[in-house]
PDB file of N, CA and C in Angstrom:
ATOM      1  N   MET A   1      76.138  95.912 117.920  1.00  0.00           N
ATOM      2  CA  MET A   1      76.358  94.645 117.383  1.00  0.00           C
ATOM      3  C   MET A   1      75.928  95.012 115.937  1.00  0.00           C
ATOM      4  N   ALA A   2      76.553  94.298 114.978  1.00  0.00           N
ATOM      5  CA  ALA A   2      76.420  94.225 113.711  1.00  0.00           C
ATOM      6  C   ALA A   2      75.240  93.634 113.030  1.00  0.00           C
ATOM      7  N   ASN A   3      74.518  93.852 112.369  1.00  0.00           N
ATOM      8  CA  ASN A   3      73.433  93.176 111.848  1.00  0.00           C
ATOM      9  C   ASN A   3      73.615  92.413 110.364  1.00  0.00           C
ATOM     10  N   ILE A   4      74.589  93.119 109.543  1.00  0.00           N
ATOM     11  CA  ILE A   4      74.907  92.420 108.329  1.00  0.00           C
ATOM     12  C   ILE A   4      75.788  91.125 108.530  1.00  0.00           C
ATOM     13  N   LYS A   5      75.379  89.974 107.825  1.00  0.00           N
ATOM     14  CA  LYS A   5      76.108  89.029 107.993  1.00  0.00           C
ATOM     15  C   LYS A   5      77.855  89.098 107.727  1.00  0.00           C
ATOM     16  N   SER A   6      78.200  89.941 106.785  1.00  0.00           N
ATOM     17  CA  SER A   6      79.706  90.095 106.245  1.00  0.00           C
ATOM     18  C   SER A   6      80.305  90.932 107.383  1.00  0.00           C
ATOM     19  N   ALA A   7      79.515  91.888 108.047  1.00  0.00           N
ATOM     20  CA  ALA A   7      80.037  92.596 109.204  1.00  0.00           C
ATOM     21  C   ALA A   7      80.286  91.651 110.420  1.00  0.00           C
ATOM     22  N   LYS A   8      79.380  90.829 110.708  1.00  0.00           N
ATOM     23  CA  LYS A   8      79.415  89.745 111.659  1.00  0.00           C
ATOM     24  C   LYS A   8      80.607  88.872 111.466  1.00  0.00           C
ATOM     25  N   LYS A   9      80.942  88.536 110.217  1.00  0.00           N
ATOM     26  CA  LYS A   9      82.228  87.574 110.011  1.00  0.00           C
ATOM     27  C   LYS A   9      83.465  88.369 110.071  1.00  0.00           C
ATOM     28  N   ARG A  10      83.356  89.946 109.857  1.00  0.00           N
ATOM     29  CA  ARG A  10      84.541  90.498 109.891  1.00  0.00           C
ATOM     30  C   ARG A  10      84.832  90.550 111.170  1.00  0.00           C
ATOM     31  N   ILE A  11      83.953  90.667 112.404  1.00  0.00           N
ATOM     32  CA  ILE A  11      84.016  90.753 113.570  1.00  0.00           C
ATOM     33  C   ILE A  11      84.913  89.575 114.235  1.00  0.00           C
ATOM     34  N   LEU A  12      84.312  88.471 113.811  1.00  0.00           N
ATOM     35  CA  LEU A  12      84.881  87.084 114.043  1.00  0.00           C
ATOM     36  C   LEU A  12      86.537  86.915 113.484  1.00  0.00           C
ATOM     37  N   VAL A  13      86.609  87.362 112.154  1.00  0.00           N
ATOM     38  CA  VAL A  13      87.836  87.322 111.894  1.00  0.00           C
ATOM     39  C   VAL A  13      88.969  88.266 112.504  1.00  0.00           C
ATOM     40  N   ILE A  14      88.656  89.470 112.540  1.00  0.00           N
ATOM     41  CA  ILE A  14      89.293  90.287 113.426  1.00  0.00           C
ATOM     42  C   ILE A  14      89.832  89.957 114.550  1.00  0.00           C
ATOM     43  N   ASN A  15      88.630  89.375 115.663  1.00  0.00           N
ATOM     44  CA  ASN A  15      89.079  88.711 116.833  1.00  0.00           C
ATOM     45  C   ASN A  15      90.044  87.615 117.041  1.00  0.00           C
ATOM     46  N   LYS A  16      90.049  86.667 115.728  1.00  0.00           N
ATOM     47  CA  LYS A  16      91.154  85.825 115.755  1.00  0.00           C
ATOM     48  C   LYS A  16      92.410  86.236 115.402  1.00  0.00           C
ATOM     49  N   LYS A  17      92.576  87.400 114.515  1.00  0.00           N
ATOM     50  CA  LYS A  17      93.656  87.914 113.979  1.00  0.00           C
ATOM     51  C   LYS A  17      94.377  88.599 115.196  1.00  0.00           C
ATOM     52  N   THR A  18      93.428  89.019 116.093  1.00  0.00           N
ATOM     53  CA  THR A  18      93.823  90.161 117.298  1.00  0.00           C
ATOM     54  C   THR A  18      94.685  89.054 118.329  1.00  0.00           C
ATOM     55  N   GLU A  19      93.982  88.138 118.591  1.00  0.00           N
ATOM     56  CA  GLU A  19      94.555  87.136 119.367  1.00  0.00           C
ATOM     57  C   GLU A  19      95.937  86.512 118.988  1.00  0.00           C
ATOM     58  N   ARG A  20      95.875  86.073 117.731  1.00  0.00           N
ATOM     59  CA  ARG A  20      97.091  85.630 117.068  1.00  0.00           C
ATOM     60  C   ARG A  20      98.452  86.867 117.086  1.00  0.00           C
ATOM     61  N   ASN A  21      97.933  87.881 116.822  1.00  0.00           N
ATOM     62  CA  ASN A  21      99.023  89.304 117.007  1.00  0.00           C
ATOM     63  C   ASN A  21      99.390  89.091 118.665  1.00  0.00           C
ATOM     64  N   LYS A  22      98.548  89.027 119.586  1.00  0.00           N
ATOM     65  CA  LYS A  22      98.773  89.476 120.856  1.00  0.00           C
ATOM     66  C   LYS A  22      99.711  88.218 121.213  1.00  0.00           C
ATOM     67  N   ALA A  23      99.468  86.925 120.782  1.00  0.00           N
ATOM     68  CA  ALA A  23     100.191  85.782 121.182  1.00  0.00           C
ATOM     69  C   ALA A  23     101.833  85.928 120.733  1.00  0.00           C
ATOM     70  N   ILE A  24     101.798  86.412 119.435  1.00  0.00           N
ATOM     71  CA  ILE A  24     103.130  86.506 118.271  1.00  0.00           C
ATOM     72  C   ILE A  24     103.815  87.830 119.272  1.00  0.00           C
ATOM     73  N   LYS A  25     103.250  88.869 119.787  1.00  0.00           N
ATOM     74  CA  LYS A  25     103.869  89.877 120.231  1.00  0.00           C
ATOM     75  C   LYS A  25     104.486  89.535 121.746  1.00  0.00           C
ATOM     76  N   SER A  26     103.615  88.717 122.335  1.00  0.00           N
ATOM     77  CA  SER A  26     104.210  88.515 123.873  1.00  0.00           C
ATOM     78  C   SER A  26     105.398  87.602 123.641  1.00  0.00           C
ATOM     79  N   LYS A  27     105.176  86.576 122.599  1.00  0.00           N
ATOM     80  CA  LYS A  27     106.436  85.774 122.508  1.00  0.00           C
ATOM     81  C   LYS A  27     107.659  86.439 122.299  1.00  0.00           C
ATOM     82  N   VAL A  28     107.673  87.468 121.299  1.00  0.00           N
ATOM     83  CA  VAL A  28     108.581  88.360 120.723  1.00  0.00           C
ATOM     84  C   VAL A  28     109.279  88.989 122.188  1.00  0.00           C
ATOM     85  N   LYS A  29     108.536  89.786 122.722  1.00  0.00           N
ATOM     86  CA  LYS A  29     108.668  90.284 124.005  1.00  0.00           C
ATOM     87  C   LYS A  29     109.637  89.764 124.827  1.00  0.00           C
ATOM     88  N   THR A  30     109.192  88.439 125.215  1.00  0.00           N
ATOM     89  CA  THR A  30     109.860  87.319 125.953  1.00  0.00           C
ATOM     90  C   THR A  30     111.243  86.952 125.551  1.00  0.00           C
ATOM     91  N   TYR A  31     111.216  86.930 124.202  1.00  0.00           N
ATOM     92  CA  TYR A  31     112.721  86.770 123.694  1.00  0.00           C
ATOM     93  C   TYR A  31     113.472  87.950 123.983  1.00  0.00           C
ATOM     94  N   ILE A  32     112.943  89.006 123.783  1.00  0.00           N
ATOM     95  CA  ILE A  32     113.680  90.412 123.940  1.00  0.00           C
ATOM     96  C   ILE A  32     114.252  90.313 125.267  1.00  0.00           C
ATOM     97  N   LYS A  33     113.283  90.243 126.234  1.00  0.00           N
ATOM     98  CA  LYS A  33     113.783  90.283 127.986  1.00  0.00           C
ATOM     99  C   LYS A  33     115.048  89.224 128.010  1.00  0.00           C
ATOM    100  N   LYS A  34     114.921  88.214 127.352  1.00  0.00           N
ATOM    101  CA  LYS A  34     115.994  87.171 127.625  1.00  0.00           C
ATOM    102  C   LYS A  34     117.232  87.736 127.052  1.00  0.00           C
ATOM    103  N   VAL A  35     117.218  88.483 125.990  1.00  0.00           N
ATOM    104  CA  VAL A  35     118.623  88.925 125.674  1.00  0.00           C
ATOM    105  C   VAL A  35     118.937  90.070 126.377  1.00  0.00           C
ATOM    106  N   TYR A  36     118.040  91.009 127.032  1.00  0.00           N
ATOM    107  CA  TYR A  36     118.706  92.239 127.883  1.00  0.00           C
ATOM    108  C   TYR A  36     118.872  91.519 129.240  1.00  0.00           C
ATOM    109  N   ALA A  37     118.438  90.394 129.499  1.00  0.00           N
ATOM    110  CA  ALA A  37     118.707  89.559 131.160  1.00  0.00           C
ATOM    111  C   ALA A  37     120.146  89.226 131.081  1.00  0.00           C
ATOM    112  N   ALA A  38     120.389  88.593 129.765  1.00  0.00           N
ATOM    113  CA  ALA A  38     121.783  88.125 129.535  1.00  0.00           C
ATOM    114  C   ALA A  38     122.816  89.245 129.578  1.00  0.00           C
ATOM    115  N   VAL A  39     122.557  90.413 128.907  1.00  0.00           N
ATOM    116  CA  VAL A  39     123.444  91.498 128.734  1.00  0.00           C
ATOM    117  C   VAL A  39     123.627  92.077 129.973  1.00  0.00           C
ATOM    118  N   ASP A  40     122.571  92.009 130.698  1.00  0.00           N
ATOM    119  CA  ASP A  40     122.748  92.915 132.448  1.00  0.00           C
ATOM    120  C   ASP A  40     123.410  91.869 133.314  1.00  0.00           C
ATOM    121  N   ALA A  41     123.342  90.586 132.992  1.00  0.00           N
ATOM    122  CA  ALA A  41     124.192  89.785 133.783  1.00  0.00           C
ATOM    123  C   ALA A  41     125.776  89.657 133.213  1.00  0.00           C
ATOM    124  N   LYS A  42     125.895  90.175 132.049  1.00  0.00           N
ATOM    125  CA  LYS A  42     127.174  90.033 131.474  1.00  0.00           C
ATOM    126  C   LYS A  42     127.660  88.881 130.885  1.00  0.00           C
ATOM    127  N   ASP A  43     126.726  88.099 130.624  1.00  0.00           N
ATOM    128  CA  ASP A  43     126.908  86.690 129.966  1.00  0.00           C
ATOM    129  C   ASP A  43     127.078  86.600 128.642  1.00  0.00           C
ATOM    130  N   GLN A  44     128.176  86.898 127.828  1.00  0.00           N
ATOM    131  CA  GLN A  44     128.085  86.916 126.275  1.00  0.00           C
ATOM    132  C   GLN A  44     127.587  86.025 125.541  1.00  0.00           C
ATOM    133  N   GLU A  45     127.908  84.564 126.023  1.00  0.00           N
ATOM    134  CA  GLU A  45     127.612  83.555 125.433  1.00  0.00           C
ATOM    135  C   GLU A  45     126.291  83.240 125.283  1.00  0.00           C
ATOM    136  N   ALA A  46     125.427  83.614 126.506  1.00  0.00           N
ATOM    137  CA  ALA A  46     123.817  83.435 126.745  1.00  0.00           C
ATOM    138  C   ALA A  46     123.375  84.239 125.723  1.00  0.00           C
ATOM    139  N   ALA A  47     123.874  85.745 126.049  1.00  0.00           N
ATOM    140  CA  ALA A  47     123.249  86.869 125.275  1.00  0.00           C
ATOM    141  C   ALA A  47     123.316  86.602 123.785  1.00  0.00           C
ATOM    142  N   LYS A  48     124.352  86.087 123.115  1.00  0.00           N
ATOM    143  CA  LYS A  48     124.433  85.986 121.686  1.00  0.00           C
ATOM    144  C   LYS A  48     123.571  84.769 121.222  1.00  0.00           C
ATOM    145  N   THR A  49     123.369  83.800 122.173  1.00  0.00           N
ATOM    146  CA  THR A  49     122.503  82.594 121.792  1.00  0.00           C
ATOM    147  C   THR A  49     120.967  83.176 121.928  1.00  0.00           C
ATOM    148  N   ALA A  50     120.573  84.170 122.784  1.00  0.00           N
ATOM    149  CA  ALA A  50     119.290  84.674 122.980  1.00  0.00           C
ATOM    150  C   ALA A  50     118.953  85.780 121.775  1.00  0.00           C
ATOM    151  N   LEU A  51     120.073  86.475 121.493  1.00  0.00           N
ATOM    152  CA  LEU A  51     119.959  87.303 120.664  1.00  0.00           C
ATOM    153  C   LEU A  51     119.633  86.631 119.001  1.00  0.00           C
ATOM    154  N   ASN A  52     120.138  85.284 118.761  1.00  0.00           N
ATOM    155  CA  ASN A  52     119.827  85.005 117.558  1.00  0.00           C
ATOM    156  C   ASN A  52     118.550  84.224 117.572  1.00  0.00           C
ATOM    157  N   ASP A  53     117.958  84.048 118.877  1.00  0.00           N
ATOM    158  CA  ASP A  53     116.759  83.286 118.856  1.00  0.00           C
ATOM    159  C   ASP A  53     115.826  84.699 118.608  1.00  0.00           C
ATOM    160  N   ALA A  54     116.115  85.688 119.503  1.00  0.00           N
ATOM    161  CA  ALA A  54     115.232  86.838 119.267  1.00  0.00           C
ATOM    162  C   ALA A  54     115.095  87.307 117.674  1.00  0.00           C
ATOM    163  N   ILE A  55     116.219  87.238 117.071  1.00  0.00           N
ATOM    164  CA  ILE A  55     116.109  87.954 115.854  1.00  0.00           C
ATOM    165  C   ILE A  55     115.037  86.979 114.932  1.00  0.00           C
ATOM    166  N   SER A  56     115.406  85.736 115.250  1.00  0.00           N
ATOM    167  CA  SER A  56     114.543  84.823 114.501  1.00  0.00           C
ATOM    168  C   SER A  56     112.920  85.023 114.505  1.00  0.00           C
ATOM    169  N   GLU A  57     112.662  85.041 116.023  1.00  0.00           N
ATOM    170  CA  GLU A  57     111.304  85.243 116.211  1.00  0.00           C
ATOM    171  C   GLU A  57     110.719  86.586 115.493  1.00  0.00           C
ATOM    172  N   MET A  58     111.645  87.570 115.710  1.00  0.00           N
ATOM    173  CA  MET A  58     111.069  88.592 115.262  1.00  0.00           C
ATOM    174  C   MET A  58     111.272  88.934 113.815  1.00  0.00           C
ATOM    175  N   SER A  59     111.746  88.312 113.230  1.00  0.00           N
ATOM    176  CA  SER A  59     111.654  88.378 111.637  1.00  0.00           C
ATOM    177  C   SER A  59     110.320  87.461 111.123  1.00  0.00           C
ATOM    178  N   LYS A  60     110.345  86.356 111.802  1.00  0.00           N
ATOM    179  CA  LYS A  60     109.011  85.614 111.621  1.00  0.00           C
ATOM    180  C   LYS A  60     107.733  86.446 111.891  1.00  0.00           C
ATOM    181  N   ALA A  61     107.815  87.441 113.008  1.00  0.00           N
ATOM    182  CA  ALA A  61     106.544  88.235 113.175  1.00  0.00           C
ATOM    183  C   ALA A  61     106.473  89.318 112.284  1.00  0.00           C
ATOM    184  N   THR A  62     107.791  89.688 111.726  1.00  0.00           N
ATOM    185  CA  THR A  62     107.455  90.916 110.555  1.00  0.00           C
ATOM    186  C   THR A  62     106.969  90.350 109.380  1.00  0.00           C
ATOM    187  N   SER A  63     107.558  89.185 108.999  1.00  0.00           N
ATOM    188  CA  SER A  63     107.085  88.372 107.926  1.00  0.00           C
ATOM    189  C   SER A  63     105.345  88.230 107.737  1.00  0.00           C
ATOM    190  N   LYS A  64     104.886  88.015 108.976  1.00  0.00           N
ATOM    191  CA  LYS A  64     103.541  87.941 109.270  1.00  0.00           C
ATOM    192  C   LYS A  64     102.877  89.066 109.410  1.00  0.00           C
ATOM    193  N   GLY A  65     103.352  89.991 109.216  1.00  0.00           N
ATOM    194  CA  GLY A  65     102.824  91.479 109.268  1.00  0.00           C
ATOM    195  C   GLY A  65     102.361  92.094 110.764  1.00  0.00           C
ATOM    196  N   VAL A  66     102.979  91.410 111.550  1.00  0.00           N
ATOM    197  CA  VAL A  66     102.884  91.978 113.261  1.00  0.00           C
ATOM    198  C   VAL A  66     103.373  93.052 113.590  1.00  0.00           C
ATOM    199  N   TYR A  67     104.671  93.085 113.112  1.00  0.00           N
ATOM    200  CA  TYR A  67     105.577  94.294 113.107  1.00  0.00           C
ATOM    201  C   TYR A  67     105.965  94.888 111.828  1.00  0.00           C
ATOM    202  N   HIS A  68     106.172  96.484 112.068  1.00  0.00           N
ATOM    203  CA  HIS A  68     106.749  96.796 110.654  1.00  0.00           C
ATOM    204  C   HIS A  68     108.363  96.612 110.640  1.00  0.00           C
ATOM    205  N   LYS A  69     108.693  96.332 109.263  1.00  0.00           N
ATOM    206  CA  LYS A  69     110.168  96.264 109.123  1.00  0.00           C
ATOM    207  C   LYS A  69     111.080  97.057 109.754  1.00  0.00           C
ATOM    208  N   SER A  70     110.616  98.376 109.984  1.00  0.00           N
ATOM    209  CA  SER A  70     111.674  99.255 110.404  1.00  0.00           C
ATOM    210  C   SER A  70     111.813  99.241 111.874  1.00  0.00           C
ATOM    211  N   THR A  71     110.694  98.821 112.509  1.00  0.00           N
ATOM    212  CA  THR A  71     110.592  98.775 113.794  1.00  0.00           C
ATOM    213  C   THR A  71     111.446  97.349 114.419  1.00  0.00           C
ATOM    214  N   THR A  72     111.488  96.287 113.551  1.00  0.00           N
ATOM    215  CA  THR A  72     112.035  95.127 113.674  1.00  0.00           C
ATOM    216  C   THR A  72     113.531  95.554 113.527  1.00  0.00           C
ATOM    217  N   SER A  73     114.152  96.109 112.475  1.00  0.00           N
ATOM    218  CA  SER A  73     115.509  96.486 112.191  1.00  0.00           C
ATOM    219  C   SER A  73     115.874  97.241 113.403  1.00  0.00           C
ATOM    220  N   ARG A  74     115.253  98.492 114.032  1.00  0.00           N
ATOM    221  CA  ARG A  74     115.853  99.252 115.048  1.00  0.00           C
ATOM    222  C   ARG A  74     115.958  98.326 116.302  1.00  0.00           C
ATOM    223  N   LYS A  75     114.811  97.527 116.695  1.00  0.00           N
ATOM    224  CA  LYS A  75     115.003  96.685 117.855  1.00  0.00           C
ATOM    225  C   LYS A  75     116.153  95.644 117.785  1.00  0.00           C
ATOM    226  N   ILE A  76     116.374  94.983 116.532  1.00  0.00           N
ATOM    227  CA  ILE A  76     117.353  94.197 116.355  1.00  0.00           C
ATOM    228  C   ILE A  76     118.966  95.171 116.481  1.00  0.00           C
ATOM    229  N   SER A  77     118.811  95.892 115.814  1.00  0.00           N
ATOM    230  CA  SER A  77     119.983  97.070 115.921  1.00  0.00           C
ATOM    231  C   SER A  77     120.740  97.338 117.433  1.00  0.00           C
ATOM    232  N   ARG A  78     119.761  97.807 118.074  1.00  0.00           N
ATOM    233  CA  ARG A  78     119.653  98.115 119.462  1.00  0.00           C
ATOM    234  C   ARG A  78     120.244  96.857 120.437  1.00  0.00           C
ATOM    235  N   MET A  79     119.575  95.652 120.204  1.00  0.00           N
ATOM    236  CA  MET A  79     119.963  94.619 121.080  1.00  0.00           C
ATOM    237  C   MET A  79     121.475  94.082 120.453  1.00  0.00           C
ATOM    238  N   THR A  80     121.543  94.052 119.258  1.00  0.00           N
ATOM    239  CA  THR A  80     123.069  93.597 118.593  1.00  0.00           C
ATOM    240  C   THR A  80     124.071  94.585 119.381  1.00  0.00           C
ATOM    241  N   LYS A  81     123.852  95.772 119.404  1.00  0.00           N
ATOM    242  CA  LYS A  81     124.613  96.698 120.156  1.00  0.00           C
ATOM    243  C   LYS A  81     124.983  96.524 121.506  1.00  0.00           C
ATOM    244  N   ALA A  82     123.735  96.271 122.078  1.00  0.00           N
ATOM    245  CA  ALA A  82     124.129  95.941 123.700  1.00  0.00           C
ATOM    246  C   ALA A  82     124.820  94.761 123.835  1.00  0.00           C
ATOM    247  N   VAL A  83     124.638  93.705 123.051  1.00  0.00           N
ATOM    248  CA  VAL A  83     125.262  92.551 123.219  1.00  0.00           C
ATOM    249  C   VAL A  83     126.846  92.576 122.887  1.00  0.00           C
ATOM    250  N   ASN A  84     127.191  93.254 121.662  1.00  0.00           N
ATOM    251  CA  ASN A  84     128.489  93.508 121.404  1.00  0.00           C
ATOM    252  C   ASN A  84     129.158  94.315 122.277  1.00  0.00           C
ATOM    253  N   ALA A  85     128.397  95.011 123.214  1.00  0.00           N
ATOM    254  CA  ALA A  85     129.018  96.086 124.136  1.00  0.00           C
ATOM    255  C   ALA A  85     129.521  95.261 125.467  1.00  0.00           C
ATOM    256  N   ILE A  86     129.214  94.059 125.686  1.00  0.00           N
ATOM    257  CA  ILE A  86     129.490  93.553 126.871  1.00  0.00           C
ATOM    258  C   ILE A  86     131.305  93.063 126.686  1.00  0.00           C
ATOM    259  N   GLN A  87     131.820  93.265 127.759  1.00  0.00           N
ATOM    260  CA  GLN A  87     133.067  93.092 127.921  1.00  0.00           C
ATOM    261  C   GLN A  87     133.413  92.105 128.944  1.00  0.00           C
TER     262      GLN A  87
END
């Protein structure tokens, strides 16, 4: 355990940020799962709706620094490709 006051504060701040990041990552993963579930069910309308929601949530997470922009771009690209492949 830290003895210095500033180190104690940093521990509290880091724990708070970690919890926030976990919540955001969990939310994004849920949206991604919804997209792929719709793709597996071959439901194009649901997939497009879920894709728009997922892109929105992922962009928010990226702007908050939870994900790197390249990671977000890669995942969005793969999801979009999967949705567009539905016939």
